[in-house]
Amino acid sequence: MESEPEEVHRLHPLSLLFRVGSSARQLLLPAALVLFASGRLDNLYWVSAFVGVGVIHGVFHYLTYRYRFAGDELVVRGGVIFRFERHVPYARIQNIDLRQSVFHRLFRVADVRVETGSGAAAEARLQVLSLDAVDRMRERIFGERDAERSTPHEGHAAQNAGELGNTAPAHAHDAATPEHARPVASPAARSLLRLGPRELIAFGLLSQRGFVIVAAATGLALEFDLFNEQLLGLGKSLESSALDRGLGWALGVALVLGVLLAVRLLSVVWAFVNLHGFELVARGNDLQTSAGLLTRHTATIPRRRIQVVTVSAGLLQRWAGFVAVKVDTAGGSELEAQSSTRRWVAPLLRASQLPALLAELLPEFQAEALQWHDRHARAARRLFKRWVLLALFATAGSHAVFGTWGLLALPLVLVWGRVDAPVRARRAQWARGGGFFSVRHGVWGHRWRLVAEDKLQVVSVAASPFDRRWNMAGILTDTAGTTFSVQLGYLDADVARQLADALSRRASLSEFAW
């Protein structure tokens, strides 16, 4: 086959402006600290010097950074003093991830991360490319790669897309979405899931994301002594009469309700900022997610890289009939590991739509093939003993704070544990069937993890001294890119060994491929 001419490409000219802005943003906090500590404006000269170095570095980066499509690989080179040239085969590229801030979207450009299955950092970072250049890169890399592979998922595309609740036609969505905010799409793209304002509000009301913001705000308030003596002394001033004590209780209840309301409202704000415009798109053998109001991320998930699927539902989500679905992928990058939102393929999904989504993620999975098994008959007793230890520690702490009244913590925690332990043991089950291994558990919030047995890399049996005392053991499994992907404890020791042998034999029959 005759090779075509290799065209060398540059970064977008705006990359210089964005790199200078990034350098200035990184120096903003150190500069403010220097000025605040010294109180001398002449230190601005040093800050200006550092900014100047950033500008020079940005100029040389733009002038020297190049990329080209060479046959079946992407070649990236750059550097002035220390030069580098990196060759990334198309077959190894798993994801072309886009990051767009508000200014990126204004100028229709994006930061691009080219990721492989190495599990380390991105193989190449291109700052900044136009969306047209990203489109051409996707077509060149994924188009040639997918041309060599069949697309078995297209046969049942229409049925699954309908079951996932996408009633709006694709052209209607495209008309309503600004062009620069749409994910790069090919003619074969199918939208599987979209979250509109109603779903984002529901997500915020059903989640607990606002607690993180409230905790951070409380820490700042304590750090800067915003809870002054007048506020702290308010409770003491209300102890003068029974009426005042009643008012104090009312204020306390109002404060608790206000905090809970603030948590929900902040959770809604978090949802709109991080999940605005969330869309899950199927494109050939790959899935693509995009979301974000201020900074928009677009990520690609090849189906063959999916190692573990996790379905979870908190108490409020269960009552409302929703679940959330995340995936762990082979060789996930460090950015993917740090950001839980990148692992979401469905932050909020109707429970009735879950089978259709699982058919897209794991086409070979059949829920009816799973045969569920309970754990050891004495698992509930083991769990209750953990509650006994917790009750002793809780009682000691509450007695130190509240005195004699703190001893009430002992019976309260024991009663709660006596109710919780049997339910928790009964809910923790494992299953095999149809080439899949699955574990589910949870009392208030439910969690279900599913992995194909041919994706397992390591299967081990673990037994603590307490496990051996009760003739119990646990199962630990690893997949590519995930450690202890599926864990199962409190099994009968013989059952654990037999299960580990069966999973190991099944995994040894398959050869892992990226």
Protein backbone atom coordinates (compact mmCIF):
# COMPACT_ATOMS: atom_id res chain seq x y z
CA MET A 1 0.00 0.00 0.00
CA GLU A 2 1.48 3.35 -1.08
CA SER A 3 1.79 5.79 1.82
CA GLU A 4 0.21 9.20 1.39
CA PRO A 5 2.16 12.42 1.97
CA GLU A 6 2.55 13.29 5.62
CA GLU A 7 1.25 16.76 6.42
CA VAL A 8 2.71 18.51 9.46
CA HIS A 9 0.19 20.39 11.59
CA ARG A 10 0.61 23.22 14.07
CA LEU A 11 -1.31 24.21 17.13
CA HIS A 12 -3.95 26.91 16.87
CA PRO A 13 -2.44 30.44 17.05
CA LEU A 14 -4.58 31.11 20.12
CA SER A 15 -2.55 28.50 22.00
CA LEU A 16 -0.02 31.24 22.75
CA LEU A 17 -2.69 33.38 24.40
CA PHE A 18 -4.08 30.48 26.43
CA ARG A 19 -0.65 29.38 27.65
CA VAL A 20 0.19 32.92 28.77
CA GLY A 21 -3.14 33.11 30.55
CA SER A 22 -2.50 29.77 32.24
CA SER A 23 0.94 30.94 33.43
CA ALA A 24 -0.52 34.19 34.76
CA ARG A 25 -3.29 32.30 36.57
CA GLN A 26 -0.75 30.00 38.23
CA LEU A 27 1.28 33.00 39.39
CA LEU A 28 -1.74 34.93 40.68
CA LEU A 29 -1.88 33.33 44.12
CA PRO A 30 1.93 33.36 44.76
CA ALA A 31 2.06 37.01 43.64
CA ALA A 32 -0.77 37.96 45.98
CA LEU A 33 0.98 36.21 48.88
CA VAL A 34 4.29 37.99 48.13
CA LEU A 35 2.62 41.39 47.98
CA PHE A 36 0.60 40.73 51.12
CA ALA A 37 3.62 39.51 53.09
CA SER A 38 6.04 42.25 52.01
CA GLY A 39 3.66 45.16 51.51
CA ARG A 40 5.96 46.52 48.81
CA LEU A 41 4.74 47.24 45.30
CA ASP A 42 8.24 47.00 43.84
CA ASN A 43 7.88 43.22 44.09
CA LEU A 44 5.57 43.53 41.09
CA TYR A 45 8.72 43.69 38.97
CA TRP A 46 9.60 40.15 40.01
CA VAL A 47 6.07 39.00 39.23
CA SER A 48 6.28 40.69 35.82
CA ALA A 49 9.58 38.92 35.18
CA PHE A 50 8.01 35.52 35.86
CA VAL A 51 5.09 36.39 33.57
CA GLY A 52 7.60 37.38 30.90
CA VAL A 53 9.30 34.00 31.20
CA GLY A 54 5.89 32.38 30.75
CA VAL A 55 5.28 34.42 27.60
CA ILE A 56 8.65 33.41 26.12
CA HIS A 57 8.00 29.77 26.96
CA GLY A 58 4.57 29.97 25.32
CA VAL A 59 6.06 31.45 22.13
CA PHE A 60 8.70 28.73 21.84
CA HIS A 61 6.12 26.04 22.59
CA TYR A 62 3.91 27.28 19.76
CA LEU A 63 6.80 27.57 17.31
CA THR A 64 8.26 24.13 18.01
CA TYR A 65 5.23 21.92 18.74
CA ARG A 66 4.09 19.87 15.73
CA TYR A 67 2.02 16.79 15.04
CA ARG A 68 1.41 14.66 11.96
CA PHE A 69 -0.46 11.54 10.86
CA ALA A 70 2.17 9.08 9.70
CA GLY A 71 0.66 5.92 8.26
CA ASP A 72 -0.86 4.11 11.23
CA GLU A 73 0.48 6.32 14.02
CA LEU A 74 0.29 9.83 15.42
CA VAL A 75 3.67 11.55 15.68
CA VAL A 76 4.11 14.46 18.08
CA ARG A 77 7.33 16.40 18.49
CA GLY A 78 8.47 19.59 20.20
CA GLY A 79 10.99 21.20 22.49
CA VAL A 80 13.85 23.69 22.07
CA ILE A 81 16.72 22.60 24.30
CA PHE A 82 15.35 19.16 25.17
CA ARG A 83 13.51 17.87 22.14
CA PHE A 84 11.15 14.92 22.03
CA GLU A 85 9.34 12.92 19.38
CA ARG A 86 6.55 10.58 20.40
CA HIS A 87 4.97 7.92 18.17
CA VAL A 88 1.50 6.79 19.22
CA PRO A 89 -0.06 3.96 17.14
CA TYR A 90 -3.71 4.49 16.27
CA ALA A 91 -4.54 1.02 17.56
CA ARG A 92 -3.33 2.03 21.04
CA ILE A 93 -5.28 5.29 21.23
CA GLN A 94 -8.31 4.79 23.44
CA ASN A 95 -9.52 8.34 23.97
CA ILE A 96 -9.26 11.80 22.50
CA ASP A 97 -10.43 13.86 25.44
CA LEU A 98 -11.50 17.48 25.00
CA ARG A 99 -11.49 20.19 27.65
CA GLN A 100 -13.21 23.48 26.89
CA SER A 101 -13.47 26.45 29.20
CA VAL A 102 -15.82 29.32 28.48
CA PHE A 103 -13.12 31.07 26.44
CA HIS A 104 -12.31 27.89 24.53
CA ARG A 105 -15.93 27.55 23.52
CA LEU A 106 -16.11 31.23 22.57
CA PHE A 107 -13.28 30.80 20.07
CA ARG A 108 -14.31 27.22 19.07
CA VAL A 109 -11.05 25.64 20.25
CA ALA A 110 -10.21 22.97 22.83
CA ASP A 111 -7.39 21.43 24.84
CA VAL A 112 -6.85 17.88 23.60
CA ARG A 113 -5.52 14.88 25.52
CA VAL A 114 -4.60 11.77 23.54
CA GLU A 115 -4.80 8.79 25.87
CA THR A 116 -3.80 5.17 25.43
CA GLY A 117 -4.33 2.13 27.64
CA SER A 118 -1.09 2.66 29.54
CA GLY A 119 -2.89 3.86 32.66
CA ALA A 120 -0.42 6.73 33.09
CA ALA A 121 -0.75 10.36 32.00
CA ALA A 122 -1.89 11.34 28.52
CA GLU A 123 0.46 10.31 25.73
CA ALA A 124 0.11 13.71 24.10
CA ARG A 125 -1.41 17.05 25.10
CA LEU A 126 -2.20 19.49 22.34
CA GLN A 127 -2.97 23.00 23.58
CA VAL A 128 -4.85 24.42 21.67
CA LEU A 129 -6.59 22.95 18.57
CA SER A 130 -9.61 24.16 16.66
CA LEU A 131 -12.69 21.95 16.74
CA ASP A 132 -12.31 21.37 13.01
CA ALA A 133 -8.79 20.06 13.60
CA VAL A 134 -10.09 17.80 16.39
CA ASP A 135 -12.78 16.53 14.01
CA ARG A 136 -10.16 15.66 11.41
CA MET A 137 -8.02 13.95 14.07
CA ARG A 138 -10.94 11.83 15.22
CA GLU A 139 -11.81 10.81 11.67
CA ARG A 140 -8.19 9.95 10.88
CA ILE A 141 -7.50 7.95 14.05
CA PHE A 142 -10.83 6.35 14.92
CA GLY A 143 -12.04 6.11 11.33
CA GLU A 144 -9.10 4.02 10.18
CA ARG A 145 -9.12 1.98 13.36
CA ASP A 146 -12.84 1.19 13.25
CA ALA A 147 -12.68 0.36 9.55
CA GLU A 148 -10.72 -2.75 10.49
CA ARG A 149 -13.29 -3.87 13.04
CA SER A 150 -16.87 -4.91 12.76
CA THR A 151 -19.62 -2.98 14.54
CA PRO A 152 -21.96 -5.62 16.00
CA HIS A 153 -23.72 -3.08 18.21
CA GLU A 154 -25.43 -1.24 15.35
CA GLY A 155 -27.99 -4.00 14.81
CA HIS A 156 -29.98 -3.30 17.95
CA ALA A 157 -29.22 0.45 18.01
CA ALA A 158 -32.70 1.77 17.41
CA GLN A 159 -34.34 -0.48 19.99
CA ASN A 160 -31.90 0.39 22.80
CA ALA A 161 -31.95 4.09 21.98
CA GLY A 162 -35.73 4.04 22.23
CA GLU A 163 -35.69 2.16 25.55
CA LEU A 164 -33.30 4.72 27.00
CA GLY A 165 -35.95 7.35 26.55
CA ASN A 166 -34.56 9.51 23.73
CA THR A 167 -37.84 10.61 22.20
CA ALA A 168 -36.50 13.85 20.74
CA PRO A 169 -35.14 13.55 17.19
CA ALA A 170 -31.44 14.15 16.74
CA HIS A 171 -31.89 17.10 14.42
CA ALA A 172 -34.12 18.84 16.96
CA HIS A 173 -31.40 18.57 19.60
CA ASP A 174 -28.76 19.83 17.17
CA ALA A 175 -30.87 22.83 16.34
CA ALA A 176 -31.29 23.70 20.00
CA THR A 177 -27.62 23.24 20.92
CA PRO A 178 -24.98 25.81 19.93
CA GLU A 179 -22.59 24.39 17.38
CA HIS A 180 -19.50 25.06 19.46
CA ALA A 181 -21.04 23.22 22.45
CA ARG A 182 -21.81 19.99 20.61
CA PRO A 183 -19.51 16.98 20.89
CA VAL A 184 -17.69 16.12 17.71
CA ALA A 185 -20.06 13.76 15.94
CA SER A 186 -19.98 11.46 12.96
CA PRO A 187 -23.01 10.53 10.84
CA ALA A 188 -23.29 7.19 12.69
CA ALA A 189 -23.57 8.79 16.15
CA ARG A 190 -26.60 7.80 18.28
CA SER A 191 -27.65 9.72 21.36
CA LEU A 192 -28.39 7.27 24.18
CA LEU A 193 -29.01 9.58 27.12
CA ARG A 194 -29.40 13.30 27.69
CA LEU A 195 -29.93 15.12 30.96
CA GLY A 196 -32.03 18.26 30.74
CA PRO A 197 -32.69 20.89 33.42
CA ARG A 198 -35.41 18.76 35.04
CA GLU A 199 -33.05 15.80 35.41
CA LEU A 200 -30.26 18.01 36.77
CA ILE A 201 -32.58 19.45 39.41
CA ALA A 202 -33.63 15.92 40.35
CA PHE A 203 -29.99 14.84 40.55
CA GLY A 204 -29.15 17.74 42.86
CA LEU A 205 -32.13 17.14 45.13
CA LEU A 206 -31.36 13.42 45.40
CA SER A 207 -27.59 13.71 45.91
CA GLN A 208 -25.41 14.95 48.77
CA ARG A 209 -22.87 16.97 46.80
CA GLY A 210 -23.78 20.14 48.67
CA PHE A 211 -22.34 18.73 51.91
CA VAL A 212 -18.82 19.18 50.49
CA ILE A 213 -19.47 22.86 49.82
CA VAL A 214 -21.11 23.40 53.22
CA ALA A 215 -18.19 21.68 54.98
CA ALA A 216 -15.68 23.85 53.10
CA ALA A 217 -17.64 27.02 53.92
CA THR A 218 -17.83 26.03 57.59
CA GLY A 219 -14.09 25.43 57.69
CA LEU A 220 -13.41 28.87 56.20
CA ALA A 221 -15.82 30.48 58.68
CA LEU A 222 -14.01 28.85 61.59
CA GLU A 223 -10.62 29.76 60.15
CA PHE A 224 -11.51 33.46 59.89
CA ASP A 225 -13.44 33.47 63.19
CA LEU A 226 -16.76 34.38 61.58
CA PHE A 227 -18.55 32.57 64.40
CA ASN A 228 -17.75 35.38 66.83
CA GLU A 229 -18.43 35.54 70.54
CA GLN A 230 -21.80 37.22 70.05
CA LEU A 231 -23.05 34.36 67.91
CA LEU A 232 -21.63 31.70 70.20
CA GLY A 233 -23.07 33.46 73.24
CA LEU A 234 -26.57 33.57 71.79
CA GLY A 235 -27.38 30.12 73.15
CA LYS A 236 -26.29 31.08 76.67
CA SER A 237 -28.48 34.19 76.67
CA LEU A 238 -31.52 32.09 75.79
CA GLU A 239 -31.23 29.95 78.95
CA SER A 240 -32.77 32.58 81.25
CA SER A 241 -36.36 31.33 81.05
CA ALA A 242 -38.48 28.46 79.79
CA LEU A 243 -39.80 30.66 77.00
CA ASP A 244 -36.27 31.47 75.91
CA ARG A 245 -35.31 27.81 76.01
CA GLY A 246 -38.26 27.03 73.77
CA LEU A 247 -37.11 29.75 71.40
CA GLY A 248 -33.62 28.26 71.46
CA TRP A 249 -34.95 24.85 70.45
CA ALA A 250 -36.96 26.46 67.64
CA LEU A 251 -33.88 28.29 66.41
CA GLY A 252 -31.89 25.06 66.54
CA VAL A 253 -34.48 23.20 64.48
CA ALA A 254 -34.65 26.10 62.03
CA LEU A 255 -30.85 26.05 61.71
CA VAL A 256 -30.80 22.31 60.95
CA LEU A 257 -33.57 22.69 58.35
CA GLY A 258 -31.74 25.65 56.83
CA VAL A 259 -28.54 23.63 56.50
CA LEU A 260 -30.39 20.74 54.87
CA LEU A 261 -32.08 23.14 52.43
CA ALA A 262 -28.75 24.79 51.65
CA VAL A 263 -27.19 21.38 50.97
CA ARG A 264 -29.93 20.56 48.45
CA LEU A 265 -29.69 23.91 46.71
CA LEU A 266 -25.90 23.72 46.52
CA SER A 267 -26.19 20.17 45.15
CA VAL A 268 -28.43 21.51 42.38
CA VAL A 269 -25.88 24.24 41.63
CA TRP A 270 -23.10 21.60 41.52
CA ALA A 271 -25.16 19.52 39.10
CA PHE A 272 -25.74 22.43 36.72
CA VAL A 273 -22.07 23.43 36.77
CA ASN A 274 -20.57 19.96 36.30
CA LEU A 275 -23.27 18.02 34.43
CA HIS A 276 -24.89 20.72 32.29
CA GLY A 277 -25.65 19.35 28.84
CA PHE A 278 -24.64 15.80 29.80
CA GLU A 279 -25.02 13.47 26.83
CA LEU A 280 -24.05 9.86 26.22
CA VAL A 281 -23.49 9.09 22.55
CA ALA A 282 -22.76 5.76 20.84
CA ARG A 283 -20.44 5.99 17.87
CA GLY A 284 -19.54 2.65 16.32
CA ASN A 285 -17.69 0.60 18.93
CA ASP A 286 -17.17 3.59 21.21
CA LEU A 287 -19.24 5.58 23.68
CA GLN A 288 -18.75 9.30 24.21
CA THR A 289 -19.76 11.48 27.14
CA SER A 290 -19.76 15.27 27.27
CA ALA A 291 -20.79 17.58 30.10
CA GLY A 292 -19.97 20.86 31.82
CA LEU A 293 -21.29 24.41 32.00
CA LEU A 294 -18.12 26.48 32.44
CA THR A 295 -15.50 23.86 31.59
CA ARG A 296 -16.81 21.21 29.23
CA HIS A 297 -15.22 17.76 29.04
CA THR A 298 -15.69 15.29 26.22
CA ALA A 299 -14.40 11.75 26.73
CA THR A 300 -14.49 8.56 24.67
CA ILE A 301 -15.00 5.10 26.21
CA PRO A 302 -14.28 2.16 23.89
CA ARG A 303 -16.64 -0.68 24.75
CA ARG A 304 -13.85 -3.23 24.76
CA ARG A 305 -12.01 -1.23 27.46
CA ILE A 306 -14.90 -1.44 29.92
CA GLN A 307 -13.79 -3.64 32.80
CA VAL A 308 -16.32 -3.11 35.61
CA VAL A 309 -19.81 -1.62 35.55
CA THR A 310 -21.12 -0.21 38.84
CA VAL A 311 -24.80 0.52 39.40
CA SER A 312 -25.58 2.46 42.58
CA ALA A 313 -28.59 4.10 44.16
CA GLY A 314 -28.81 6.04 47.41
CA LEU A 315 -31.86 5.93 49.62
CA LEU A 316 -33.53 8.95 48.03
CA GLN A 317 -32.64 7.74 44.54
CA ARG A 318 -34.22 4.36 45.25
CA TRP A 319 -37.42 5.95 46.49
CA ALA A 320 -37.60 8.08 43.35
CA GLY A 321 -36.82 5.14 41.04
CA PHE A 322 -33.39 6.28 39.80
CA VAL A 323 -29.93 4.72 39.60
CA ALA A 324 -26.46 5.95 38.62
CA VAL A 325 -24.06 3.99 36.39
CA LYS A 326 -20.27 4.27 36.33
CA VAL A 327 -17.60 2.29 34.51
CA ASP A 328 -13.98 1.42 35.22
CA THR A 329 -11.88 1.11 32.09
CA ALA A 330 -8.62 -0.61 31.23
CA GLY A 331 -5.67 1.68 31.58
CA GLY A 332 -7.72 4.63 32.80
CA SER A 333 -5.63 7.78 32.99
CA GLU A 334 -4.73 9.51 36.25
CA LEU A 335 -7.21 12.29 35.39
CA GLU A 336 -9.95 9.72 34.98
CA ALA A 337 -9.10 8.20 38.36
CA GLN A 338 -9.22 11.59 40.06
CA SER A 339 -12.52 12.71 38.55
CA SER A 340 -15.58 10.64 39.32
CA THR A 341 -17.65 12.59 36.80
CA ARG A 342 -15.52 11.21 33.97
CA ARG A 343 -16.49 7.66 34.96
CA TRP A 344 -20.21 8.37 34.79
CA VAL A 345 -22.05 7.04 31.79
CA ALA A 346 -25.39 7.80 33.46
CA PRO A 347 -25.38 10.12 36.49
CA LEU A 348 -29.16 9.76 36.71
CA LEU A 349 -31.13 7.03 34.98
CA ARG A 350 -34.59 5.60 35.41
CA ALA A 351 -34.33 2.09 36.85
CA SER A 352 -36.58 0.87 34.04
CA GLN A 353 -33.99 2.08 31.49
CA LEU A 354 -31.09 0.19 33.10
CA PRO A 355 -31.42 -3.05 31.02
CA ALA A 356 -31.18 -1.07 27.78
CA LEU A 357 -28.07 0.77 28.94
CA LEU A 358 -26.40 -2.46 30.11
CA ALA A 359 -27.08 -3.90 26.66
CA GLU A 360 -25.10 -1.00 25.20
CA LEU A 361 -22.24 -1.30 27.69
CA LEU A 362 -22.07 -5.11 27.83
CA PRO A 363 -23.87 -6.56 24.78
CA GLU A 364 -23.25 -10.16 25.91
CA PHE A 365 -24.69 -9.70 29.40
CA GLN A 366 -27.96 -11.45 30.28
CA ALA A 367 -29.36 -10.66 33.72
CA GLU A 368 -31.48 -13.82 33.84
CA ALA A 369 -28.32 -15.96 33.52
CA LEU A 370 -27.03 -14.82 36.92
CA GLN A 371 -27.56 -17.23 39.81
CA TRP A 372 -27.44 -15.41 43.13
CA HIS A 373 -25.91 -16.94 46.28
CA ASP A 374 -25.88 -15.86 49.92
CA ARG A 375 -22.78 -15.45 52.04
CA HIS A 376 -21.86 -17.49 55.12
CA ALA A 377 -24.75 -18.24 57.46
CA ARG A 378 -22.88 -16.54 60.32
CA ALA A 379 -22.10 -13.37 58.39
CA ALA A 380 -24.80 -11.46 60.29
CA ARG A 381 -23.19 -12.41 63.61
CA ARG A 382 -19.79 -11.19 62.41
CA LEU A 383 -21.31 -7.90 61.28
CA PHE A 384 -23.10 -7.43 64.60
CA LYS A 385 -19.81 -7.83 66.49
CA ARG A 386 -18.48 -4.88 64.53
CA TRP A 387 -21.45 -2.88 65.78
CA VAL A 388 -20.63 -3.92 69.36
CA LEU A 389 -17.11 -2.48 69.03
CA LEU A 390 -18.52 0.68 67.47
CA ALA A 391 -21.04 1.00 70.34
CA LEU A 392 -18.25 0.82 72.93
CA PHE A 393 -16.20 3.54 71.25
CA ALA A 394 -19.28 5.72 70.65
CA THR A 395 -20.37 5.38 74.29
CA ALA A 396 -16.93 6.30 75.60
CA GLY A 397 -16.87 9.42 73.44
CA SER A 398 -20.43 10.51 74.22
CA HIS A 399 -19.87 9.95 77.96
CA ALA A 400 -16.83 12.21 77.87
CA VAL A 401 -18.89 14.95 76.22
CA PHE A 402 -22.38 14.59 77.73
CA GLY A 403 -21.66 12.83 81.00
CA THR A 404 -24.20 10.29 82.28
CA TRP A 405 -26.62 11.00 79.43
CA GLY A 406 -23.92 9.84 77.02
CA LEU A 407 -24.34 6.26 78.24
CA LEU A 408 -27.58 6.14 76.24
CA ALA A 409 -25.43 5.73 73.12
CA LEU A 410 -24.70 2.11 74.07
CA PRO A 411 -28.25 0.69 73.82
CA LEU A 412 -29.13 2.93 70.87
CA VAL A 413 -26.15 1.77 68.77
CA LEU A 414 -26.66 -1.89 69.77
CA VAL A 415 -30.34 -1.83 68.80
CA TRP A 416 -29.47 -0.18 65.51
CA GLY A 417 -26.76 -2.76 64.82
CA ARG A 418 -29.08 -5.62 65.71
CA VAL A 419 -31.46 -4.44 63.00
CA ASP A 420 -28.79 -3.48 60.45
CA ALA A 421 -26.52 -6.57 60.57
CA PRO A 422 -29.03 -9.22 59.39
CA VAL A 423 -30.32 -6.98 56.61
CA ARG A 424 -26.80 -6.11 55.48
CA ALA A 425 -25.79 -9.79 55.46
CA ARG A 426 -28.91 -10.76 53.52
CA ARG A 427 -28.39 -8.02 50.92
CA ALA A 428 -24.75 -8.97 50.27
CA GLN A 429 -24.88 -11.63 47.55
CA TRP A 430 -22.76 -12.86 44.69
CA ALA A 431 -23.62 -14.43 41.35
CA ARG A 432 -22.13 -16.10 38.31
CA GLY A 433 -23.66 -16.86 34.96
CA GLY A 434 -23.31 -16.15 31.25
CA GLY A 435 -19.61 -15.39 31.61
CA PHE A 436 -20.10 -12.66 34.23
CA PHE A 437 -19.30 -12.33 37.92
CA SER A 438 -21.36 -9.97 40.03
CA VAL A 439 -21.62 -8.70 43.62
CA ARG A 440 -24.37 -6.61 45.19
CA HIS A 441 -24.70 -5.18 48.69
CA GLY A 442 -26.12 -2.27 50.70
CA VAL A 443 -28.95 -1.58 53.14
CA TRP A 444 -29.99 2.02 52.63
CA GLY A 445 -28.01 2.63 49.48
CA HIS A 446 -27.66 -0.25 47.03
CA ARG A 447 -24.55 -1.02 44.99
CA TRP A 448 -24.11 -3.60 42.23
CA ARG A 449 -20.79 -4.34 40.51
CA LEU A 450 -20.58 -6.42 37.35
CA VAL A 451 -17.46 -7.72 35.56
CA ALA A 452 -16.96 -10.09 32.64
CA GLU A 453 -14.97 -13.11 33.82
CA ASP A 454 -12.65 -12.95 30.81
CA LYS A 455 -11.62 -9.44 31.94
CA LEU A 456 -10.31 -10.70 35.30
CA GLN A 457 -6.52 -10.53 35.68
CA VAL A 458 -5.93 -11.74 39.24
CA VAL A 459 -8.19 -13.70 41.60
CA SER A 460 -7.08 -14.24 45.18
CA VAL A 461 -8.44 -15.61 48.46
CA ALA A 462 -7.92 -13.58 51.64
CA ALA A 463 -8.61 -14.69 55.22
CA SER A 464 -7.95 -12.71 58.38
CA PRO A 465 -7.41 -14.45 61.76
CA PHE A 466 -11.08 -13.80 62.56
CA ASP A 467 -12.10 -15.30 59.19
CA ARG A 468 -10.09 -18.44 59.91
CA ARG A 469 -11.66 -18.67 63.36
CA TRP A 470 -15.11 -18.83 61.76
CA ASN A 471 -13.96 -20.89 58.71
CA MET A 472 -14.58 -17.95 56.41
CA ALA A 473 -12.63 -16.25 53.59
CA GLY A 474 -12.97 -13.44 51.06
CA ILE A 475 -12.45 -13.08 47.33
CA LEU A 476 -10.40 -10.24 45.78
CA THR A 477 -10.34 -9.71 42.00
CA ASP A 478 -8.28 -7.35 39.85
CA THR A 479 -8.91 -6.21 36.30
CA ALA A 480 -6.73 -4.20 33.93
CA GLY A 481 -6.43 -0.71 35.36
CA THR A 482 -8.50 -1.38 38.51
CA THR A 483 -7.31 -2.90 41.79
CA PHE A 484 -9.74 -4.94 43.88
CA SER A 485 -12.46 -4.22 41.32
CA VAL A 486 -14.88 -6.70 42.92
CA GLN A 487 -14.50 -7.74 46.57
CA LEU A 488 -16.54 -10.31 48.44
CA GLY A 489 -16.15 -11.20 52.10
CA TYR A 490 -17.68 -13.50 54.71
CA LEU A 491 -17.82 -16.54 52.44
CA ASP A 492 -17.50 -20.12 53.55
CA ALA A 493 -13.81 -20.97 53.16
CA ASP A 494 -14.45 -23.95 50.89
CA VAL A 495 -16.88 -21.95 48.74
CA ALA A 496 -14.34 -19.12 48.45
CA ARG A 497 -11.59 -21.48 47.26
CA GLN A 498 -13.87 -23.20 44.75
CA LEU A 499 -15.09 -19.85 43.44
CA ALA A 500 -11.54 -18.52 43.11
CA ASP A 501 -10.47 -21.64 41.21
CA ALA A 502 -13.44 -21.36 38.84
CA LEU A 503 -12.84 -17.66 38.15
CA SER A 504 -9.12 -18.24 37.64
CA ARG A 505 -9.74 -21.03 35.13
CA ARG A 506 -12.25 -18.89 33.23
CA ALA A 507 -9.86 -15.94 33.11
CA SER A 508 -6.96 -18.11 31.92
CA LEU A 509 -8.92 -19.20 28.85
CA SER A 510 -9.01 -15.66 27.43
CA GLU A 511 -6.19 -13.48 26.20
CA PHE A 512 -6.31 -9.82 27.14
CA ALA A 513 -6.24 -7.37 24.24
CA TRP A 514 -6.34 -3.60 24.20
